[in-house]
Amino acid sequence: MLELLIIDRAGAEHMLSVTPGQTLMEAIRDGGIYDIKALCGGSCSCATCHVYLDAGTPLPAMSEDENDLLDGTSERRETSRLACQIMLAGNMEKLRVTIAPED
């Protein structure tokens, strides 16, 4: 199990215990945090699951599609990612995620 610290848009902190093998978006929604709309259902065609991750988090490389979608948001930061594109793996223990403001 992985321990995730999710900070919602109101600033409240939520600790989630999740199993590797699902996306970060799925883990957040399954954990009862509904700040992420995920309008595209996780197909990387919107940016409604935009999150900020701590610098240095071990992540797969960002795809060109994900990068393009994040370029279209006004809240992009260096640590921005789309939660639907992050497959949770065993090396992501203690992941700290902040849900980006709605764009």
C-alpha atoms as a PDB file:
ATOM      1  CA  MET A   1       0.000   0.000   0.000  1.00  0.00           C
ATOM      2  CA  LEU A   2       1.070   3.550  -0.701  1.00  0.00           C
ATOM      3  CA  GLU A   3       0.382   6.479   1.583  1.00  0.00           C
ATOM      4  CA  LEU A   4      -0.691   9.614  -0.255  1.00  0.00           C
ATOM      5  CA  LEU A   5      -1.187  13.042   1.252  1.00  0.00           C
ATOM      6  CA  ILE A   6      -3.741  14.935  -0.827  1.00  0.00           C
ATOM      7  CA  ILE A   7      -4.346  18.631  -0.234  1.00  0.00           C
ATOM      8  CA  ASP A   8      -7.687  19.715  -1.655  1.00  0.00           C
ATOM      9  CA  ARG A   9      -8.601  23.131  -3.029  1.00  0.00           C
ATOM     10  CA  ALA A  10      -9.795  24.317   0.381  1.00  0.00           C
ATOM     11  CA  GLY A  11      -6.414  23.416   1.897  1.00  0.00           C
ATOM     12  CA  ALA A  12      -7.686  20.391   3.835  1.00  0.00           C
ATOM     13  CA  GLU A  13      -5.304  17.432   4.062  1.00  0.00           C
ATOM     14  CA  HIS A  14      -6.425  13.871   3.336  1.00  0.00           C
ATOM     15  CA  MET A  15      -4.322  10.746   3.945  1.00  0.00           C
ATOM     16  CA  LEU A  16      -5.117   7.928   1.529  1.00  0.00           C
ATOM     17  CA  SER A  17      -3.831   4.374   1.547  1.00  0.00           C
ATOM     18  CA  VAL A  18      -3.928   3.076  -2.016  1.00  0.00           C
ATOM     19  CA  THR A  19      -2.755   0.068  -3.969  1.00  0.00           C
ATOM     20  CA  PRO A  20      -0.195   0.621  -6.742  1.00  0.00           C
ATOM     21  CA  GLY A  21      -1.465   0.017 -10.259  1.00  0.00           C
ATOM     22  CA  GLN A  22      -4.169   2.651 -10.468  1.00  0.00           C
ATOM     23  CA  THR A  23      -3.848   6.224 -11.627  1.00  0.00           C
ATOM     24  CA  LEU A  24      -3.466   9.077  -9.194  1.00  0.00           C
ATOM     25  CA  MET A  25      -6.765  10.473 -10.522  1.00  0.00           C
ATOM     26  CA  GLU A  26      -8.585   7.229  -9.693  1.00  0.00           C
ATOM     27  CA  ALA A  27      -7.035   7.093  -6.217  1.00  0.00           C
ATOM     28  CA  ILE A  28      -8.103  10.654  -5.438  1.00  0.00           C
ATOM     29  CA  ARG A  29     -11.678  10.133  -6.662  1.00  0.00           C
ATOM     30  CA  ASP A  30     -11.977   6.700  -4.994  1.00  0.00           C
ATOM     31  CA  GLY A  31     -10.744   8.361  -1.796  1.00  0.00           C
ATOM     32  CA  GLY A  32     -13.780  10.647  -1.811  1.00  0.00           C
ATOM     33  CA  ILE A  33     -12.022  13.839  -2.869  1.00  0.00           C
ATOM     34  CA  TYR A  34     -14.140  15.350  -5.611  1.00  0.00           C
ATOM     35  CA  ASP A  35     -12.159  18.494  -6.466  1.00  0.00           C
ATOM     36  CA  ILE A  36     -10.908  16.674  -9.554  1.00  0.00           C
ATOM     37  CA  LYS A  37     -13.571  16.571 -12.269  1.00  0.00           C
ATOM     38  CA  ALA A  38     -11.702  14.362 -14.758  1.00  0.00           C
ATOM     39  CA  LEU A  39     -14.183  15.267 -17.479  1.00  0.00           C
ATOM     40  CA  CYS A  40     -12.379  13.144 -20.076  1.00  0.00           C
ATOM     41  CA  GLY A  41     -12.378  10.074 -17.831  1.00  0.00           C
ATOM     42  CA  GLY A  42      -8.608   9.851 -17.800  1.00  0.00           C
ATOM     43  CA  SER A  43      -7.924   9.895 -21.545  1.00  0.00           C
ATOM     44  CA  CYS A  44      -5.584  12.924 -21.414  1.00  0.00           C
ATOM     45  CA  SER A  45      -7.893  15.200 -23.375  1.00  0.00           C
ATOM     46  CA  CYS A  46      -8.710  17.820 -20.739  1.00  0.00           C
ATOM     47  CA  ALA A  47      -6.838  19.326 -17.799  1.00  0.00           C
ATOM     48  CA  THR A  48      -9.482  18.978 -15.088  1.00  0.00           C
ATOM     49  CA  CYS A  49      -7.271  16.642 -13.028  1.00  0.00           C
ATOM     50  CA  HIS A  50      -4.397  19.140 -12.784  1.00  0.00           C
ATOM     51  CA  VAL A  51      -2.280  18.654  -9.653  1.00  0.00           C
ATOM     52  CA  TYR A  52       1.003  19.839  -8.199  1.00  0.00           C
ATOM     53  CA  LEU A  53       3.509  17.260  -6.970  1.00  0.00           C
ATOM     54  CA  ASP A  54       6.486  17.835  -4.731  1.00  0.00           C
ATOM     55  CA  ALA A  55       9.708  18.490  -6.635  1.00  0.00           C
ATOM     56  CA  GLY A  56      11.809  15.351  -6.955  1.00  0.00           C
ATOM     57  CA  THR A  57       8.848  12.967  -7.008  1.00  0.00           C
ATOM     58  CA  PRO A  58       9.805   9.895  -9.102  1.00  0.00           C
ATOM     59  CA  LEU A  59       7.480  10.148 -12.110  1.00  0.00           C
ATOM     60  CA  PRO A  60       7.346   8.868 -15.651  1.00  0.00           C
ATOM     61  CA  ALA A  61       8.207  11.388 -18.352  1.00  0.00           C
ATOM     62  CA  MET A  62       5.441  13.738 -19.418  1.00  0.00           C
ATOM     63  CA  SER A  63       3.897  13.037 -22.813  1.00  0.00           C
ATOM     64  CA  GLU A  64       3.587  15.735 -25.452  1.00  0.00           C
ATOM     65  CA  ASP A  65      -0.223  15.644 -25.087  1.00  0.00           C
ATOM     66  CA  GLU A  66      -0.017  16.165 -21.328  1.00  0.00           C
ATOM     67  CA  ASN A  67       2.465  19.008 -21.787  1.00  0.00           C
ATOM     68  CA  ASP A  68       0.215  20.693 -24.368  1.00  0.00           C
ATOM     69  CA  LEU A  69      -2.838  20.460 -22.111  1.00  0.00           C
ATOM     70  CA  LEU A  70      -0.927  21.907 -19.166  1.00  0.00           C
ATOM     71  CA  ASP A  71       0.294  24.746 -21.393  1.00  0.00           C
ATOM     72  CA  GLY A  72      -3.358  25.724 -21.801  1.00  0.00           C
ATOM     73  CA  THR A  73      -3.895  26.251 -18.068  1.00  0.00           C
ATOM     74  CA  SER A  74      -3.327  29.552 -16.340  1.00  0.00           C
ATOM     75  CA  GLU A  75      -2.191  27.792 -13.143  1.00  0.00           C
ATOM     76  CA  ARG A  76       0.705  25.749 -14.550  1.00  0.00           C
ATOM     77  CA  ARG A  77       3.795  25.410 -12.362  1.00  0.00           C
ATOM     78  CA  GLU A  78       7.067  23.555 -12.699  1.00  0.00           C
ATOM     79  CA  THR A  79       5.594  20.679 -10.662  1.00  0.00           C
ATOM     80  CA  SER A  80       2.282  20.483 -12.586  1.00  0.00           C
ATOM     81  CA  ARG A  81       1.026  17.133 -13.870  1.00  0.00           C
ATOM     82  CA  LEU A  82      -2.279  15.579 -14.873  1.00  0.00           C
ATOM     83  CA  ALA A  83      -3.335  13.022 -12.266  1.00  0.00           C
ATOM     84  CA  CYS A  84      -4.783  10.742 -14.965  1.00  0.00           C
ATOM     85  CA  GLN A  85      -1.288  10.317 -16.418  1.00  0.00           C
ATOM     86  CA  ILE A  86       0.405   9.232 -13.181  1.00  0.00           C
ATOM     87  CA  MET A  87       0.286   5.459 -12.678  1.00  0.00           C
ATOM     88  CA  LEU A  88       0.940   4.807  -8.994  1.00  0.00           C
ATOM     89  CA  ALA A  89       3.945   2.580  -8.361  1.00  0.00           C
ATOM     90  CA  GLY A  90       5.728   1.202  -5.315  1.00  0.00           C
ATOM     91  CA  ASN A  91       8.465   3.859  -5.486  1.00  0.00           C
ATOM     92  CA  MET A  92       5.912   6.642  -4.864  1.00  0.00           C
ATOM     93  CA  GLU A  93       5.521   6.092  -1.118  1.00  0.00           C
ATOM     94  CA  LYS A  94       4.621   9.248   0.818  1.00  0.00           C
ATOM     95  CA  LEU A  95       3.523  11.100  -2.312  1.00  0.00           C
ATOM     96  CA  ARG A  96       2.299  14.633  -1.539  1.00  0.00           C
ATOM     97  CA  VAL A  97      -0.218  16.035  -4.022  1.00  0.00           C
ATOM     98  CA  THR A  98      -1.919  19.439  -4.095  1.00  0.00           C
ATOM     99  CA  ILE A  99      -4.976  19.797  -6.322  1.00  0.00           C
ATOM    100  CA  ALA A 100      -4.504  22.823  -8.576  1.00  0.00           C
ATOM    101  CA  PRO A 101      -7.040  25.656  -8.565  1.00  0.00           C
ATOM    102  CA  GLU A 102      -9.882  25.256 -11.038  1.00  0.00           C
ATOM    103  CA  ASP A 103      -9.011  26.934 -14.320  1.00  0.00           C
END
